[in-house]
Protein backbone atom coordinates (compact mmCIF):
# COMPACT_ATOMS: atom_id res chain seq x y z
CA UNK A 1 30.67 0.25 21.44
CA UNK A 2 29.36 1.14 18.20
CA UNK A 3 31.18 3.34 15.41
CA UNK A 4 30.18 6.97 15.04
CA UNK A 5 28.88 6.24 11.65
CA UNK A 6 26.72 3.76 12.58
CA UNK A 7 25.95 6.12 16.03
CA UNK A 8 24.70 8.66 13.69
CA UNK A 9 22.34 6.29 11.43
CA UNK A 10 20.51 5.22 14.51
CA UNK A 11 19.91 8.75 16.18
CA UNK A 12 19.18 10.77 13.25
CA UNK A 13 15.27 11.06 12.50
CA UNK A 14 14.83 14.12 10.81
CA UNK A 15 13.36 14.31 7.04
CA UNK A 16 15.57 12.66 4.48
CA UNK A 17 17.46 10.47 7.22
CA UNK A 18 17.74 6.81 6.69
CA UNK A 19 16.10 6.50 10.44
CA UNK A 20 13.83 9.34 10.21
CA UNK A 21 12.19 7.32 6.83
CA UNK A 22 11.89 4.31 8.53
CA UNK A 23 10.07 5.46 11.69
CA UNK A 24 7.80 7.27 8.99
CA UNK A 25 6.34 3.85 7.78
CA UNK A 26 4.72 3.40 11.35
CA UNK A 27 1.90 4.93 13.51
CA UNK A 28 3.20 7.39 15.51
CA UNK A 29 1.62 8.63 18.85
CA UNK A 30 1.50 12.53 17.83
CA UNK A 31 -0.42 14.17 21.07
CA UNK A 32 -2.64 13.30 23.60
CA UNK A 33 -6.75 14.04 22.62
CA UNK A 34 -7.23 16.07 25.66
CA UNK A 35 -4.48 18.62 23.92
CA UNK A 36 -7.65 19.20 21.54
CA UNK A 37 -10.67 18.54 23.16
CA UNK A 38 -13.31 19.73 21.37
CA UNK A 39 -14.10 21.02 17.90
CA UNK A 40 -12.98 24.28 17.23
CA UNK A 41 -10.74 24.89 20.06
CA UNK A 42 -7.51 26.17 20.04
CA UNK A 43 -4.49 24.70 17.53
CA UNK A 44 -1.63 22.75 19.01
CA UNK A 45 2.16 23.22 18.12
CA UNK A 46 3.56 19.37 17.70
CA UNK A 47 6.78 18.74 16.54
CA UNK A 48 8.07 14.92 15.68
CA UNK A 49 11.00 13.75 13.76
CA UNK A 50 12.24 17.02 13.23
CA UNK A 51 9.03 18.46 11.56
CA UNK A 52 7.02 21.67 13.17
CA UNK A 53 3.53 20.93 12.62
CA UNK A 54 0.02 22.22 13.93
CA UNK A 55 -3.14 19.83 15.07
CA UNK A 56 -6.40 21.29 15.00
CA UNK A 57 -9.85 19.68 15.49
CA UNK A 58 -12.20 21.35 13.03
CA UNK A 59 -16.12 22.08 13.38
CA UNK A 60 -17.47 18.23 12.73
CA UNK A 61 -14.36 16.66 15.19
CA UNK A 62 -11.96 15.85 12.75
CA UNK A 63 -8.40 16.13 13.47
CA UNK A 64 -6.15 18.01 10.85
CA UNK A 65 -1.86 17.95 11.27
CA UNK A 66 -0.69 20.14 9.34
CA UNK A 67 2.69 21.67 8.14
CA UNK A 68 2.85 24.63 10.76
CA UNK A 69 3.41 27.51 8.18
CA UNK A 70 0.99 29.13 6.39
CA UNK A 71 1.93 28.69 2.43
CA UNK A 72 1.30 32.52 1.93
CA UNK A 73 3.88 34.14 3.82
CA UNK A 74 5.05 31.37 6.30
CA UNK A 75 3.33 33.27 9.27
CA UNK A 76 2.49 30.43 12.03
CA UNK A 77 -1.12 28.78 11.96
CA UNK A 78 -0.74 28.45 15.76
CA UNK A 79 -2.09 31.87 15.82
CA UNK A 80 -4.74 31.03 13.42
CA UNK A 81 -8.73 31.27 13.84
CA UNK A 82 -10.36 27.37 13.93
CA UNK A 83 -13.60 27.96 12.52
CA UNK A 84 -16.09 26.58 10.20
CA UNK A 85 -14.22 23.44 9.29
CA UNK A 86 -10.55 24.74 8.83
CA UNK A 87 -7.66 26.65 10.23
CA UNK A 88 -7.51 30.42 8.94
CA UNK A 89 -4.16 32.20 8.86
CA UNK A 90 -4.14 35.51 11.00
CA UNK A 91 -2.44 37.49 8.57
CA UNK A 92 -3.76 37.54 5.55
CA UNK A 93 -7.04 34.94 5.83
CA UNK A 94 -5.97 31.97 4.19
CA UNK A 95 -7.85 28.70 5.21
CA UNK A 96 -6.67 25.19 5.24
CA UNK A 97 -8.67 21.91 5.92
CA UNK A 98 -7.45 19.19 7.81
CA UNK A 99 -6.34 17.61 4.50
CA UNK A 100 -4.06 20.72 4.15
CA UNK A 101 -6.21 22.05 0.86
CA UNK A 102 -6.56 26.09 0.82
CA UNK A 103 -10.62 26.47 1.20
CA UNK A 104 -10.37 30.30 1.30
CA UNK A 105 -7.98 33.32 -0.03
CA UNK A 106 -10.10 36.23 0.80
CA UNK A 107 -7.20 38.42 -0.01
CA UNK A 108 -7.32 37.40 -3.69
CA UNK A 109 -9.99 38.29 -6.36
CA UNK A 110 -12.87 36.38 -6.21
CA UNK A 111 -12.79 35.22 -9.18
CA UNK A 112 -9.18 33.70 -8.80
CA UNK A 113 -8.71 29.91 -9.06
CA UNK A 114 -4.84 30.30 -7.55
CA UNK A 115 -6.32 28.38 -3.84
CA UNK A 116 -7.06 25.02 -5.88
CA UNK A 117 -3.70 24.94 -6.63
CA UNK A 118 -2.34 25.85 -3.12
CA UNK A 119 -2.01 22.99 -0.06
CA UNK A 120 -0.12 22.41 2.96
CA UNK A 121 1.76 19.21 4.05
CA UNK A 122 -0.96 16.80 5.69
CA UNK A 123 -0.75 13.89 7.49
CA UNK A 124 -3.35 11.38 8.40
CA UNK A 125 -4.65 11.07 11.81
CA UNK A 126 -6.62 8.74 13.74
CA UNK A 127 -7.58 8.58 17.72
CA UNK A 128 -7.44 5.62 19.55
CA UNK A 129 -6.94 5.26 23.00
CA UNK A 130 -6.92 8.77 24.07
CA UNK A 131 -3.96 9.57 21.52
CA UNK A 132 -3.83 11.36 18.18
CA UNK A 133 -1.87 9.05 16.05
CA UNK A 134 -0.04 9.82 12.48
CA UNK A 135 1.31 8.05 9.70
CA UNK A 136 4.23 10.86 8.09
CA UNK A 137 5.16 7.66 5.11
CA UNK A 138 4.22 6.71 2.23
CA UNK A 139 0.55 6.87 1.40
CA UNK A 140 0.54 3.10 -0.44
CA UNK A 141 2.95 1.95 2.67
CA UNK A 142 0.76 2.92 5.54
CA UNK A 143 0.19 -0.07 8.10
CA UNK A 144 -2.38 -1.50 9.76
CA UNK A 145 -3.81 0.50 12.78
CA UNK A 146 -1.89 -0.29 16.11
CA UNK A 147 -3.05 -3.12 18.43
CA UNK A 148 -0.86 -2.83 20.94
CA UNK A 149 -2.88 -4.33 24.01
CA UNK A 150 -3.46 -1.24 25.96
CA UNK A 151 -4.49 0.38 23.19
CA UNK A 152 -7.18 -1.91 22.20
CA UNK A 153 -8.52 -2.07 26.45
CA UNK A 154 -11.56 -0.16 27.61
CA UNK A 155 -11.00 3.44 28.53
CA UNK A 156 -11.60 2.58 32.25
CA UNK A 157 -8.44 -0.23 32.21
CA UNK A 158 -6.41 2.64 30.96
CA UNK A 159 -4.04 5.52 32.09
CA UNK A 160 -2.06 7.04 29.21
CA UNK A 161 0.82 10.14 30.02
CA UNK A 162 3.62 12.05 27.95
CA UNK A 163 6.28 13.96 29.41
CA UNK A 164 8.98 15.72 27.52
CA UNK A 165 12.70 14.50 28.04
CA UNK A 166 15.65 16.34 26.87
CA UNK A 167 17.19 13.22 25.08
CA UNK A 168 17.38 11.60 22.03
CA UNK A 169 15.26 8.78 21.79
CA UNK A 170 17.59 5.78 21.79
CA UNK A 171 19.19 6.47 25.26
CA UNK A 172 15.67 6.86 26.76
CA UNK A 173 14.75 3.96 24.82
CA UNK A 174 17.67 1.77 25.85
CA UNK A 175 16.86 2.39 29.58
CA UNK A 176 13.51 1.05 28.88
CA UNK A 177 14.47 -2.39 28.13
CA UNK A 178 17.58 -2.43 30.43
CA UNK A 179 16.81 -4.11 33.47
CA UNK A 180 19.93 -4.58 35.71
CA UNK A 181 19.08 -0.69 36.47
CA UNK A 182 16.43 -1.68 38.60
CA UNK A 183 18.24 -3.34 41.32
CA UNK A 184 20.71 -0.06 41.72
CA UNK A 185 18.81 2.94 40.53
CA UNK A 186 15.30 1.94 42.14
CA UNK A 187 16.73 0.31 44.75
CA UNK A 188 15.38 1.83 47.76
CA UNK A 189 12.41 3.23 46.05
CA UNK A 190 10.67 0.12 44.72
CA UNK A 191 9.16 -1.36 47.96
CA UNK A 192 6.82 2.03 48.52
CA UNK A 193 6.46 2.25 44.56
CA UNK A 194 2.67 1.74 44.35
CA UNK A 195 2.89 -0.41 41.48
CA UNK A 196 5.97 -2.20 43.04
CA UNK A 197 4.50 -2.51 46.79
CA UNK A 198 3.75 -6.53 47.78
CA UNK A 199 5.09 -8.41 45.69
CA UNK A 200 7.00 -11.53 45.52
CA UNK A 201 9.68 -10.60 43.27
CA UNK A 202 11.61 -7.54 44.90
CA UNK A 203 12.78 -9.99 47.16
CA UNK A 204 14.74 -11.36 43.85
CA UNK A 205 15.56 -8.00 42.73
CA UNK A 206 17.01 -7.02 45.88
CA UNK A 207 18.97 -10.23 46.38
CA UNK A 208 21.10 -10.54 43.15
CA UNK A 209 22.40 -7.41 41.29
CA UNK A 210 23.73 -9.67 38.66
CA UNK A 211 21.03 -10.69 36.53
CA UNK A 212 21.96 -13.07 33.34
CA UNK A 213 20.35 -12.08 30.12
CA UNK A 214 19.19 -14.08 27.31
CA UNK A 215 17.67 -12.20 24.37
CA UNK A 216 15.78 -13.49 21.28
CA UNK A 217 14.72 -12.06 18.35
CA UNK A 218 10.61 -11.98 17.88
CA UNK A 219 8.70 -11.38 14.64
CA UNK A 220 7.92 -7.71 15.72
CA UNK A 221 11.31 -7.25 17.99
CA UNK A 222 12.65 -8.62 21.06
CA UNK A 223 11.92 -10.64 24.05
CA UNK A 224 14.03 -10.06 26.99
CA UNK A 225 14.65 -12.41 29.50
CA UNK A 226 16.82 -11.34 32.51
CA UNK A 227 17.76 -14.22 35.01
CA UNK A 228 18.29 -14.06 38.71
CA UNK A 229 18.54 -16.69 41.25
CA UNK A 230 15.45 -17.86 43.15
CA UNK A 231 16.71 -20.55 45.44
CA UNK A 232 17.69 -24.09 45.04
CA UNK A 233 17.30 -25.19 41.02
CA UNK A 234 15.20 -22.19 40.07
CA UNK A 235 15.22 -18.88 38.77
CA UNK A 236 13.16 -15.60 38.89
CA UNK A 237 12.54 -14.55 35.24
CA UNK A 238 11.85 -10.77 34.38
CA UNK A 239 10.85 -10.80 30.53
CA UNK A 240 10.43 -7.47 28.79
CA UNK A 241 8.94 -7.40 25.12
CA UNK A 242 10.55 -4.77 22.94
CA UNK A 243 8.04 -3.47 20.10
CA UNK A 244 10.02 -1.75 17.13
CA UNK A 245 10.32 0.47 16.60
CA UNK A 246 9.85 2.55 20.03
CA UNK A 247 7.64 0.55 22.40
CA UNK A 248 8.39 -1.46 25.80
CA UNK A 249 6.33 -3.41 28.14
CA UNK A 250 7.50 -3.63 31.46
CA UNK A 251 7.66 -6.80 33.25
CA UNK A 252 4.71 -6.63 35.72
CA UNK A 253 5.08 -6.69 39.19
CA UNK A 254 2.11 -8.83 41.03
CA UNK A 255 -1.22 -9.35 39.02
CA UNK A 256 -3.06 -7.01 41.68
CA UNK A 257 -1.21 -4.40 40.47
CA UNK A 258 -1.80 -2.62 36.38
CA UNK A 259 0.87 -3.07 33.69
CA UNK A 260 3.22 -0.77 32.01
CA UNK A 261 4.75 0.42 29.13
CA UNK A 262 6.40 3.00 27.40
CA UNK A 263 6.97 4.97 23.59
CA UNK A 264 10.03 6.53 22.86
CA UNK A 265 8.76 8.97 20.10
CA UNK A 266 11.38 11.78 18.66
CA UNK A 267 10.40 15.28 18.74
CA UNK A 268 14.00 15.86 16.98
CA UNK A 269 17.26 14.53 17.74
CA UNK A 270 18.20 15.63 20.98
CA UNK A 271 14.39 15.41 22.56
CA UNK A 272 11.74 12.93 22.85
CA UNK A 273 8.11 12.21 24.08
CA UNK A 274 8.15 9.90 26.82
CA UNK A 275 4.85 8.29 26.79
CA UNK A 276 4.01 5.79 30.16
CA UNK A 277 1.33 3.54 30.09
CA UNK A 278 -0.45 1.62 33.00
CA UNK A 279 -3.47 -1.00 31.56
CA UNK A 280 -4.89 -3.79 33.62
CA UNK A 281 -6.42 -6.26 30.86
CA UNK A 282 -9.18 -7.92 32.99
CA UNK A 283 -10.24 -4.97 35.16
CA UNK A 284 -11.18 -1.16 35.73
CA UNK A 285 -8.20 0.49 36.90
CA UNK A 286 -9.32 1.58 40.84
CA UNK A 287 -9.95 5.34 41.74
CA UNK A 288 -6.80 4.81 44.43
CA UNK A 289 -4.60 3.78 41.29
CA UNK A 290 -6.10 6.89 39.31
CA UNK A 291 -5.21 8.99 41.55
CA UNK A 292 -1.47 8.08 42.29
CA UNK A 293 -1.08 8.00 38.19
CA UNK A 294 -2.42 11.43 38.25
CA UNK A 295 -0.23 12.41 41.09
CA UNK A 296 2.76 11.54 38.80
CA UNK A 297 3.64 8.39 40.39
CA UNK A 298 5.20 5.37 39.38
CA UNK A 299 6.08 5.88 35.86
CA UNK A 300 4.38 9.00 35.55
CA UNK A 301 5.55 12.40 36.71
CA UNK A 302 4.58 15.89 38.07
CA UNK A 303 4.49 18.36 35.78
CA UNK A 304 5.28 22.07 35.12
CA UNK A 305 1.67 23.69 35.19
CA UNK A 306 0.23 24.14 32.10
CA UNK A 307 3.21 22.02 30.23
CA UNK A 308 4.06 18.42 29.88
CA UNK A 309 7.86 18.82 31.33
CA UNK A 310 8.61 17.42 34.80
CA UNK A 311 9.00 19.19 37.87
CA UNK A 312 12.19 17.79 38.38
CA UNK A 313 14.61 18.61 35.10
CA UNK A 314 17.81 19.31 34.54
CA UNK A 315 17.26 23.24 35.32
CA UNK A 316 16.89 22.16 39.06
CA UNK A 317 19.03 19.11 39.10
CA UNK A 318 16.09 17.00 38.98
CA UNK A 319 15.70 18.66 42.96
CA UNK A 320 18.37 16.30 43.91
CA UNK A 321 17.98 15.29 47.72
CA UNK A 322 22.02 14.52 48.99
CA UNK A 323 20.82 13.80 52.48
CA UNK A 324 18.24 10.79 51.43
CA UNK A 325 21.31 9.73 49.47
CA UNK A 326 23.58 9.24 52.39
CA UNK A 327 20.44 7.52 54.52
CA UNK A 328 19.81 5.12 51.66
CA UNK A 329 16.31 6.36 51.49
CA UNK A 330 17.36 6.88 47.97
CA UNK A 331 19.82 5.05 45.75
CA UNK A 332 20.42 8.36 43.52
CA UNK A 333 18.56 10.79 45.67
CA UNK A 334 16.35 11.84 42.96
CA UNK A 335 12.77 10.92 44.12
CA UNK A 336 10.39 8.90 41.34
CA UNK A 337 10.63 6.09 40.01
CA UNK A 338 10.63 8.17 36.73
CA UNK A 339 12.84 11.16 37.23
CA UNK A 340 15.42 8.47 38.51
CA UNK A 341 15.24 6.74 34.91
CA UNK A 342 15.55 10.24 32.82
CA UNK A 343 17.80 12.70 35.46
CA UNK A 344 20.22 9.68 34.50
CA UNK A 345 19.43 9.19 30.80
CA UNK A 346 19.40 13.31 30.35
CA UNK A 347 22.40 13.47 32.19
CA UNK A 348 24.45 11.48 29.20
CA UNK A 349 23.83 14.68 27.21
CA UNK A 350 21.35 15.17 24.19
CA UNK A 351 23.20 12.36 21.73
CA UNK A 352 25.65 10.22 23.65
CA UNK A 353 28.90 9.45 21.69
CA UNK A 354 28.39 5.28 21.66
CA UNK A 355 31.61 4.92 20.32
CA UNK A 356 33.12 5.45 24.08
CA UNK A 357 30.87 3.24 25.66
CA UNK A 358 32.17 -0.09 27.52
CA UNK A 359 29.31 -2.56 27.29
CA UNK A 360 29.01 -5.95 29.41
CA UNK A 361 26.88 -8.84 29.11
CA UNK A 362 23.96 -7.06 30.92
CA UNK A 363 23.53 -4.92 27.74
CA UNK A 364 23.15 -7.55 25.42
CA UNK A 365 19.59 -6.52 24.92
CA UNK A 366 20.73 -2.81 24.03
CA UNK A 367 23.16 -4.40 21.06
CA UNK A 368 20.95 -6.53 19.63
CA UNK A 369 17.84 -3.64 19.89
CA UNK A 370 20.58 -1.64 17.83
CA UNK A 371 21.08 -4.03 15.27
CA UNK A 372 17.54 -4.51 14.77
CA UNK A 373 17.03 -1.19 14.09
CA UNK A 374 20.05 -0.98 11.75
CA UNK A 375 19.09 -4.30 9.68
CA UNK A 376 15.44 -2.79 9.30
CA UNK A 377 16.70 -0.01 7.08
CA UNK A 378 17.49 -2.99 4.41
CA UNK A 379 13.89 -3.89 4.61
CA UNK A 380 12.60 -0.07 3.48
CA UNK A 381 12.37 -0.95 -0.34
CA UNK A 382 10.53 -4.47 0.34
CA UNK A 383 6.73 -5.49 0.23
CA UNK A 384 4.75 -6.69 3.43
CA UNK A 385 4.87 -4.92 6.74
CA UNK A 386 7.84 -3.87 8.62
CA UNK A 387 9.01 -5.32 12.36
CA UNK A 388 6.77 -4.24 14.87
CA UNK A 389 4.35 -3.06 12.09
CA UNK A 390 1.82 -5.75 11.74
CA UNK A 391 -0.85 -6.58 14.15
CA UNK A 392 0.34 -9.95 15.30
CA UNK A 393 3.68 -8.26 16.01
CA UNK A 394 2.14 -6.29 18.55
CA UNK A 395 -0.25 -8.75 20.37
CA UNK A 396 2.49 -9.65 23.10
CA UNK A 397 2.86 -9.21 27.14
CA UNK A 398 5.74 -8.89 29.20
CA UNK A 399 6.14 -11.40 32.14
CA UNK A 400 7.95 -12.05 35.58
CA UNK A 401 7.68 -15.43 37.05
CA UNK A 402 9.81 -18.59 38.57
CA UNK A 403 11.15 -21.31 36.83
CA UNK A 404 12.99 -24.63 37.09
CA UNK A 405 16.33 -23.81 36.10
CA UNK A 406 16.26 -26.73 33.36
CA UNK A 407 13.17 -25.01 31.68
CA UNK A 408 14.30 -22.17 29.10
CA UNK A 409 12.38 -18.87 29.76
CA UNK A 410 10.98 -19.15 26.15
CA UNK A 411 9.58 -22.38 26.82
CA UNK A 412 8.47 -21.92 30.36
CA UNK A 413 6.74 -18.60 29.20
CA UNK A 414 5.56 -19.30 25.79
CA UNK A 415 1.71 -18.60 26.56
CA UNK A 416 2.25 -15.60 29.25
CA UNK A 417 4.02 -13.64 26.55
CA UNK A 418 0.79 -13.73 24.34
CA UNK A 419 -2.06 -11.10 24.75
CA UNK A 420 -5.13 -12.96 24.95
CA UNK A 421 -8.25 -10.70 25.73
CA UNK A 422 -9.62 -11.38 28.95
CA UNK A 423 -6.66 -13.41 29.83
CA UNK A 424 -4.67 -12.41 33.14
CA UNK A 425 -1.25 -11.65 32.69
CA UNK A 426 1.71 -13.82 34.39
CA UNK A 427 3.52 -11.95 37.34
CA UNK A 428 4.35 -12.47 40.91
């Protein structure tokens, strides 16, 4: 249980808020490269951490992420013309380059130098792993570029999607570090899910619904071990990595299946982008795997055409099937691993009042993650990278394995939790 004051600190991420200041010190997944696919294509609206922005790719292929509203009369640049290395407002023709500089002001006299004194807020961007990343913090505190394993792989070894989730980022992310719900929310579906089928770990998940948690701090976040009985004097461990401030790596199911991960990025205080990534560090994804992901299976979703909003959403009660629920074809009656998660997370309301919670032993990771985020606020004025921002903090993996009951999971899985290029991951 949190006090309301601490809950407010954690969930508010807009300009001027402590958590918003912390999050602006990291590289942020802003949009998919496919959203601005070619030079001079239409601009797109982007909302991050409560800021309304506009993204565009200029004539030379450079990416701009600017304040959405023109500095003249605040018309939206979404309606602007992307042409000749700049975005031109359709109202009076003021034009801005990718750095936010006003480069043309045709409504002013030719001799005027006014344009040289006008600039829009602009954030630097890089493209990596099919994602446009941005940094929204002080320039002098900009960290190294992301080196999450999936972001460093060749394009044929990863698949990335995103979806709009109608809740605060924190309750979405807390679902990502909660390993105990798998035995319930996904109980009747994981046998058929393409990323879980045919793996030894499934029988342990179903047989033991009361995992014991051991959580340890890492340089970049948390290492979360969920322990289940695996026979005489042995345990099945599902080990999740949480990399600050918002990344999770899902414990894998079998080395023949791709690994999975998420990023939970605040749009504003009541909505977030849930990024989902499947990847394999030693081989290309197969066409059947990619077809499944494109179809919205596994950790991905089916979209309403032309949007990144799931077909199953709160307006239609997530297409809940009560007959499937009664017949034990689905524990919750909602179809799909991803939708089963976000339907419950959104059902909590846009922002959870955590002062009403009653947490148990299986919530140990959630409690410590909240504490780490709050403690990180004390580091904002210190030199050096924040937890999770340094490349060495990000070169980690999750794992699932059986260990003797006398072996601590951090010892038995030490090598398995390090991302080594070209080395197979550890899973059953």
